[in-house]
Amino acid sequence: MTFSSHTHVKRTRKPFRCVWCGEQIEAGQSCDILSGKTEYGDMGTDRYHPECFAALRTLTYDECDSWEFGDFLRGCKCEAGTECRCKTRDTETAMRHFVAGDLDLA
């Protein structure tokens, strides 16, 4: 991306679909929004559950281009349609890691 912007929304006004897990972000829930412009000039906006955004931030540079909409389980890097192997799928556990700063969000 040639430009990107991150915004945390405390409460959404309408429902959206999480790009990471493909599940619904209900109206009134918090979410993280990434907006940006690609090197090809395309603008885009993606919305994530907070725990899914935390999981996204754990991807290495090489992994960033190799996933698509809904490829992962909510809040972890395990592939959708499989059993969670990392044991962080529990939303409360993922959020504790996010809030405690256990994940590198820099």
Protein backbone atom coordinates (compact mmCIF):
# COMPACT_ATOMS: atom_id res chain seq x y z
CA MET A 1 0.00 0.00 0.00
CA THR A 2 1.20 3.46 -0.82
CA PHE A 3 -1.09 4.96 1.82
CA SER A 4 -2.93 3.42 4.75
CA SER A 5 -4.92 4.64 7.73
CA HIS A 6 -6.12 2.76 10.81
CA THR A 7 -9.17 3.80 12.83
CA HIS A 8 -10.73 2.06 15.82
CA VAL A 9 -14.51 2.55 15.98
CA LYS A 10 -16.08 2.04 19.42
CA ARG A 11 -19.57 1.42 18.09
CA THR A 12 -20.65 0.87 14.47
CA ARG A 13 -23.91 2.36 13.24
CA LYS A 14 -24.72 -0.49 10.88
CA PRO A 15 -23.60 -4.10 10.35
CA PHE A 16 -20.51 -4.91 8.30
CA ARG A 17 -18.68 -8.07 7.25
CA CYS A 18 -15.24 -8.76 8.81
CA VAL A 19 -12.64 -9.19 6.06
CA TRP A 20 -10.55 -11.57 8.20
CA CYS A 21 -13.14 -14.16 9.27
CA GLY A 22 -16.13 -13.33 7.08
CA GLU A 23 -18.45 -13.13 10.11
CA GLN A 24 -20.84 -10.25 10.68
CA ILE A 25 -19.82 -7.25 12.77
CA GLU A 26 -23.15 -6.31 14.31
CA ALA A 27 -24.38 -2.74 14.66
CA GLY A 28 -23.24 -1.40 18.01
CA GLN A 29 -20.08 -3.54 18.15
CA SER A 30 -16.59 -2.10 17.93
CA CYS A 31 -14.40 -2.65 14.88
CA ASP A 32 -11.11 -1.66 13.33
CA ILE A 33 -11.01 -0.01 9.91
CA LEU A 34 -8.07 -0.03 7.51
CA SER A 35 -8.31 2.33 4.56
CA GLY A 36 -5.69 2.75 1.94
CA LYS A 37 -4.49 3.16 -1.60
CA THR A 38 -2.56 0.45 -3.44
CA GLU A 39 0.42 0.97 -5.69
CA TYR A 40 -2.04 0.57 -8.61
CA GLY A 41 -4.11 3.55 -7.45
CA ASP A 42 -7.06 1.53 -6.10
CA MET A 43 -8.67 2.78 -2.87
CA GLY A 44 -10.09 0.32 -0.37
CA THR A 45 -11.59 0.04 3.10
CA ASP A 46 -11.57 -3.13 5.19
CA ARG A 47 -13.34 -3.70 8.50
CA TYR A 48 -12.27 -6.19 11.17
CA HIS A 49 -13.41 -7.43 14.59
CA PRO A 50 -10.84 -6.07 17.09
CA GLU A 51 -9.55 -9.61 17.76
CA CYS A 52 -9.29 -10.30 14.02
CA PHE A 53 -7.33 -7.07 13.55
CA ALA A 54 -4.98 -8.19 16.33
CA ALA A 55 -4.49 -11.51 14.49
CA LEU A 56 -3.85 -9.63 11.23
CA ARG A 57 -1.09 -7.65 12.91
CA THR A 58 0.75 -10.91 13.70
CA LEU A 59 1.20 -11.76 10.00
CA THR A 60 4.69 -11.53 8.57
CA TYR A 61 5.33 -9.37 5.52
CA ASP A 62 5.43 -12.46 3.24
CA GLU A 63 2.04 -13.68 4.53
CA CYS A 64 0.24 -10.38 3.91
CA ASP A 65 -0.54 -10.95 0.21
CA SER A 66 -1.41 -14.63 0.49
CA TRP A 67 -4.85 -14.54 2.14
CA GLU A 68 -8.34 -13.64 1.00
CA PHE A 69 -11.67 -12.58 2.49
CA GLY A 70 -12.86 -15.00 5.21
CA ASP A 71 -9.79 -17.29 5.10
CA PHE A 72 -9.32 -17.42 8.87
CA LEU A 73 -11.21 -18.24 12.04
CA ARG A 74 -12.31 -15.28 14.12
CA GLY A 75 -9.46 -13.89 16.19
CA CYS A 76 -6.70 -16.28 15.10
CA LYS A 77 -4.56 -17.36 12.14
CA CYS A 78 -6.07 -20.85 11.82
CA GLU A 79 -7.72 -21.49 8.46
CA ALA A 80 -11.51 -21.29 8.21
CA GLY A 81 -13.21 -24.68 8.08
CA THR A 82 -10.63 -26.27 10.38
CA GLU A 83 -10.33 -26.75 14.12
CA CYS A 84 -8.38 -24.02 15.89
CA ARG A 85 -4.82 -25.18 16.58
CA CYS A 86 -3.52 -22.07 18.33
CA LYS A 87 -6.17 -22.04 21.08
CA THR A 88 -6.73 -18.27 20.81
CA ARG A 89 -10.03 -18.56 18.97
CA ASP A 90 -11.88 -17.75 22.18
CA THR A 91 -12.85 -14.09 21.73
CA GLU A 92 -12.19 -13.20 25.37
CA THR A 93 -8.71 -14.73 25.24
CA ALA A 94 -7.87 -12.95 22.00
CA MET A 95 -9.09 -9.64 23.41
CA ARG A 96 -7.03 -10.11 26.59
CA HIS A 97 -3.93 -10.54 24.38
CA PHE A 98 -4.92 -7.45 22.38
CA VAL A 99 -5.63 -5.24 25.41
CA ALA A 100 -2.61 -6.46 27.38
CA GLY A 101 -0.32 -5.64 24.47
CA ASP A 102 0.89 -9.24 24.10
CA LEU A 103 0.65 -8.79 20.33
CA ASP A 104 3.02 -6.42 18.58
CA LEU A 105 0.76 -3.76 17.07
CA ALA A 106 3.52 -1.40 15.93
